[in-house]
N, C-alpha and C. Protein backbone atom coordinates (compact mmCIF):
# COMPACT_ATOMS: atom_id res chain seq x y z
N MET A 1 12.89 23.38 -10.96
CA MET A 1 11.65 22.62 -10.87
C MET A 1 11.91 21.20 -10.40
N GLY A 2 12.91 20.55 -10.94
CA GLY A 2 13.25 19.17 -10.57
C GLY A 2 13.68 19.07 -9.11
N THR A 3 14.41 20.08 -8.63
CA THR A 3 14.86 20.08 -7.24
C THR A 3 13.67 20.19 -6.30
N ALA A 4 12.69 21.03 -6.66
CA ALA A 4 11.51 21.19 -5.81
C ALA A 4 10.72 19.89 -5.74
N VAL A 5 10.59 19.20 -6.85
CA VAL A 5 9.87 17.93 -6.87
C VAL A 5 10.62 16.90 -6.02
N LEU A 6 11.93 16.86 -6.14
CA LEU A 6 12.74 15.93 -5.36
C LEU A 6 12.59 16.19 -3.87
N LEU A 7 12.60 17.46 -3.48
CA LEU A 7 12.42 17.80 -2.07
C LEU A 7 11.04 17.41 -1.57
N LEU A 8 10.02 17.61 -2.38
CA LEU A 8 8.67 17.24 -1.98
C LEU A 8 8.51 15.73 -1.84
N LEU A 9 9.20 14.98 -2.68
CA LEU A 9 9.14 13.52 -2.59
C LEU A 9 9.94 12.99 -1.41
N ALA A 10 11.01 13.68 -1.04
CA ALA A 10 11.85 13.24 0.07
C ALA A 10 11.26 13.61 1.42
N LEU A 11 10.40 14.60 1.48
CA LEU A 11 9.84 15.05 2.75
C LEU A 11 9.04 13.96 3.46
N PRO A 12 8.12 13.26 2.79
CA PRO A 12 7.39 12.21 3.50
C PRO A 12 8.30 11.08 3.99
N ALA A 13 9.40 10.83 3.31
CA ALA A 13 10.31 9.76 3.75
C ALA A 13 10.95 10.13 5.08
N SER A 14 11.32 11.39 5.27
CA SER A 14 11.94 11.78 6.53
C SER A 14 10.92 11.76 7.66
N VAL A 15 9.68 12.09 7.38
CA VAL A 15 8.64 12.04 8.40
C VAL A 15 8.32 10.59 8.74
N GLY A 16 8.45 9.70 7.79
CA GLY A 16 8.15 8.29 8.00
C GLY A 16 9.07 7.61 9.00
N TRP A 17 10.25 8.17 9.25
CA TRP A 17 11.17 7.57 10.21
C TRP A 17 10.77 7.89 11.65
N ALA A 18 9.86 8.83 11.83
CA ALA A 18 9.43 9.19 13.18
C ALA A 18 8.68 8.02 13.81
N GLN A 19 8.82 7.92 15.12
CA GLN A 19 8.14 6.85 15.86
C GLN A 19 7.44 7.44 17.06
N CYS A 20 6.45 6.74 17.51
CA CYS A 20 5.80 7.07 18.76
C CYS A 20 6.84 6.88 19.87
N ALA A 21 6.93 7.83 20.79
CA ALA A 21 7.93 7.75 21.86
C ALA A 21 7.70 6.51 22.73
N LEU A 22 6.46 6.16 22.93
CA LEU A 22 6.15 5.00 23.76
C LEU A 22 6.62 3.71 23.08
N CYS A 23 6.36 3.60 21.78
CA CYS A 23 6.79 2.40 21.04
C CYS A 23 8.31 2.31 21.01
N ARG A 24 8.95 3.45 20.80
CA ARG A 24 10.40 3.46 20.71
C ARG A 24 11.03 3.01 22.03
N SER A 25 10.52 3.54 23.14
CA SER A 25 11.10 3.15 24.43
C SER A 25 10.81 1.69 24.75
N ALA A 26 9.65 1.19 24.35
CA ALA A 26 9.34 -0.22 24.60
C ALA A 26 10.25 -1.13 23.79
N VAL A 27 10.55 -0.75 22.57
CA VAL A 27 11.42 -1.58 21.73
C VAL A 27 12.86 -1.51 22.21
N GLU A 28 13.33 -0.33 22.59
CA GLU A 28 14.72 -0.19 23.02
C GLU A 28 14.99 -0.89 24.34
N SER A 29 14.04 -0.85 25.27
CA SER A 29 14.28 -1.44 26.59
C SER A 29 13.73 -2.85 26.71
N GLY A 30 13.03 -3.28 25.71
CA GLY A 30 12.33 -4.55 25.83
C GLY A 30 13.08 -5.73 25.27
N ASP A 31 12.35 -6.75 25.18
CA ASP A 31 12.81 -8.05 24.71
C ASP A 31 12.99 -8.02 23.18
N PRO A 32 14.01 -8.66 22.63
CA PRO A 32 14.16 -8.70 21.16
C PRO A 32 12.97 -9.37 20.47
N THR A 33 12.33 -10.29 21.16
CA THR A 33 11.15 -10.93 20.58
C THR A 33 10.03 -9.93 20.38
N PHE A 34 9.89 -8.99 21.34
CA PHE A 34 8.87 -7.96 21.22
C PHE A 34 9.12 -7.08 20.00
N ALA A 35 10.37 -6.75 19.76
CA ALA A 35 10.71 -5.93 18.58
C ALA A 35 10.34 -6.66 17.29
N GLN A 36 10.61 -7.96 17.24
CA GLN A 36 10.27 -8.75 16.06
C GLN A 36 8.77 -8.82 15.86
N VAL A 37 8.02 -9.00 16.95
CA VAL A 37 6.57 -9.06 16.87
C VAL A 37 6.01 -7.72 16.41
N LEU A 38 6.58 -6.63 16.91
CA LEU A 38 6.14 -5.29 16.51
C LEU A 38 6.39 -5.07 15.01
N ARG A 39 7.56 -5.48 14.54
CA ARG A 39 7.86 -5.36 13.11
C ARG A 39 6.91 -6.19 12.26
N SER A 40 6.63 -7.40 12.72
CA SER A 40 5.70 -8.26 11.99
C SER A 40 4.30 -7.65 11.95
N GLY A 41 3.89 -7.04 13.04
CA GLY A 41 2.59 -6.38 13.08
C GLY A 41 2.52 -5.22 12.11
N ILE A 42 3.59 -4.46 12.02
CA ILE A 42 3.62 -3.33 11.09
C ILE A 42 3.54 -3.83 9.65
N VAL A 43 4.28 -4.87 9.33
CA VAL A 43 4.24 -5.43 7.98
C VAL A 43 2.85 -5.97 7.67
N LEU A 44 2.25 -6.61 8.64
CA LEU A 44 0.90 -7.14 8.46
C LEU A 44 -0.09 -6.00 8.18
N LEU A 45 0.04 -4.91 8.91
CA LEU A 45 -0.84 -3.77 8.69
C LEU A 45 -0.61 -3.11 7.33
N LEU A 46 0.59 -3.24 6.79
CA LEU A 46 0.88 -2.68 5.47
C LEU A 46 0.39 -3.56 4.33
N VAL A 47 0.39 -4.87 4.54
CA VAL A 47 0.06 -5.81 3.47
C VAL A 47 -1.42 -5.78 3.11
N PHE A 48 -2.30 -5.76 4.08
CA PHE A 48 -3.72 -5.90 3.81
C PHE A 48 -4.33 -4.77 2.96
N PRO A 49 -3.98 -3.50 3.17
CA PRO A 49 -4.54 -2.49 2.26
C PRO A 49 -4.11 -2.68 0.81
N TYR A 50 -2.86 -3.06 0.60
CA TYR A 50 -2.40 -3.30 -0.76
C TYR A 50 -3.08 -4.53 -1.37
N LEU A 51 -3.26 -5.55 -0.56
CA LEU A 51 -3.94 -6.75 -1.04
C LEU A 51 -5.39 -6.44 -1.39
N LEU A 52 -6.06 -5.68 -0.55
CA LEU A 52 -7.43 -5.29 -0.83
C LEU A 52 -7.52 -4.45 -2.11
N GLY A 53 -6.59 -3.52 -2.28
CA GLY A 53 -6.56 -2.72 -3.50
C GLY A 53 -6.32 -3.57 -4.73
N LEU A 54 -5.46 -4.55 -4.62
CA LEU A 54 -5.18 -5.45 -5.73
C LEU A 54 -6.42 -6.24 -6.10
N ILE A 55 -7.13 -6.76 -5.11
CA ILE A 55 -8.34 -7.53 -5.37
C ILE A 55 -9.40 -6.67 -6.03
N VAL A 56 -9.61 -5.46 -5.51
CA VAL A 56 -10.60 -4.55 -6.10
C VAL A 56 -10.20 -4.20 -7.53
N GLY A 57 -8.91 -3.97 -7.76
CA GLY A 57 -8.43 -3.66 -9.10
C GLY A 57 -8.66 -4.80 -10.08
N ILE A 58 -8.42 -6.02 -9.64
CA ILE A 58 -8.62 -7.18 -10.51
C ILE A 58 -10.10 -7.34 -10.84
N VAL A 59 -10.97 -7.18 -9.83
CA VAL A 59 -12.41 -7.31 -10.06
C VAL A 59 -12.89 -6.25 -11.05
N LEU A 60 -12.45 -5.01 -10.87
CA LEU A 60 -12.86 -3.94 -11.79
C LEU A 60 -12.31 -4.17 -13.19
N TRP A 61 -11.08 -4.64 -13.28
CA TRP A 61 -10.47 -4.90 -14.59
C TRP A 61 -11.22 -6.01 -15.32
N ARG A 62 -11.59 -7.07 -14.59
CA ARG A 62 -12.32 -8.17 -15.23
C ARG A 62 -13.71 -7.73 -15.66
N ALA A 63 -14.37 -6.90 -14.83
CA ALA A 63 -15.70 -6.41 -15.20
C ALA A 63 -15.61 -5.52 -16.44
N ARG A 64 -14.59 -4.68 -16.50
CA ARG A 64 -14.42 -3.81 -17.66
C ARG A 64 -14.11 -4.63 -18.91
N ARG A 65 -13.29 -5.66 -18.75
CA ARG A 65 -12.95 -6.51 -19.88
C ARG A 65 -14.17 -7.25 -20.40
N GLN A 66 -15.04 -7.72 -19.50
CA GLN A 66 -16.27 -8.39 -19.92
C GLN A 66 -17.19 -7.42 -20.65
N ARG A 67 -17.29 -6.21 -20.11
CA ARG A 67 -18.15 -5.20 -20.73
C ARG A 67 -17.64 -4.85 -22.13
N MET A 68 -16.32 -4.74 -22.28
CA MET A 68 -15.76 -4.42 -23.59
C MET A 68 -15.99 -5.57 -24.58
N ARG A 69 -15.87 -6.81 -24.12
CA ARG A 69 -16.13 -7.96 -25.00
C ARG A 69 -17.58 -8.00 -25.43
N ALA A 70 -18.50 -7.72 -24.51
CA ALA A 70 -19.92 -7.70 -24.84
C ALA A 70 -20.22 -6.58 -25.84
N PHE A 71 -19.57 -5.44 -25.66
CA PHE A 71 -19.78 -4.32 -26.57
C PHE A 71 -19.26 -4.67 -27.96
N GLN A 72 -18.10 -5.30 -28.04
CA GLN A 72 -17.53 -5.68 -29.34
C GLN A 72 -18.40 -6.75 -30.01
N TRP A 73 -18.91 -7.68 -29.23
CA TRP A 73 -19.73 -8.74 -29.78
C TRP A 73 -21.02 -8.17 -30.35
N HIS A 74 -21.64 -7.24 -29.63
CA HIS A 74 -22.86 -6.63 -30.13
C HIS A 74 -22.57 -5.72 -31.32
N GLY A 75 -21.38 -5.15 -31.32
CA GLY A 75 -21.02 -4.27 -32.44
C GLY A 75 -20.81 -5.03 -33.72
N THR A 76 -20.34 -6.27 -33.66
CA THR A 76 -20.11 -7.04 -34.90
C THR A 76 -21.40 -7.62 -35.46
N GLN A 77 -22.44 -7.74 -34.65
CA GLN A 77 -23.71 -8.30 -35.12
C GLN A 77 -24.48 -7.32 -35.99
N ASP A 78 -24.26 -6.03 -35.80
CA ASP A 78 -25.02 -5.01 -36.57
C ASP A 78 -24.62 -4.94 -38.00
């Protein structure tokens, strides 16, 4: 069972190394500055979804915390 889980977790990592043939040829034959810009663009595209998820998570957590405080406050008044 553990081996099957390990293989399933490793499968997406091996697929993740694949590149578009056009991007690969442009990076290999191109300017080193272009490769750096391409890497920076990829990192930029990865950061924003996580940042957005973090912001949504914080907003939901704060709303839930406020709701729980209001519920506890009303519960102690009875």
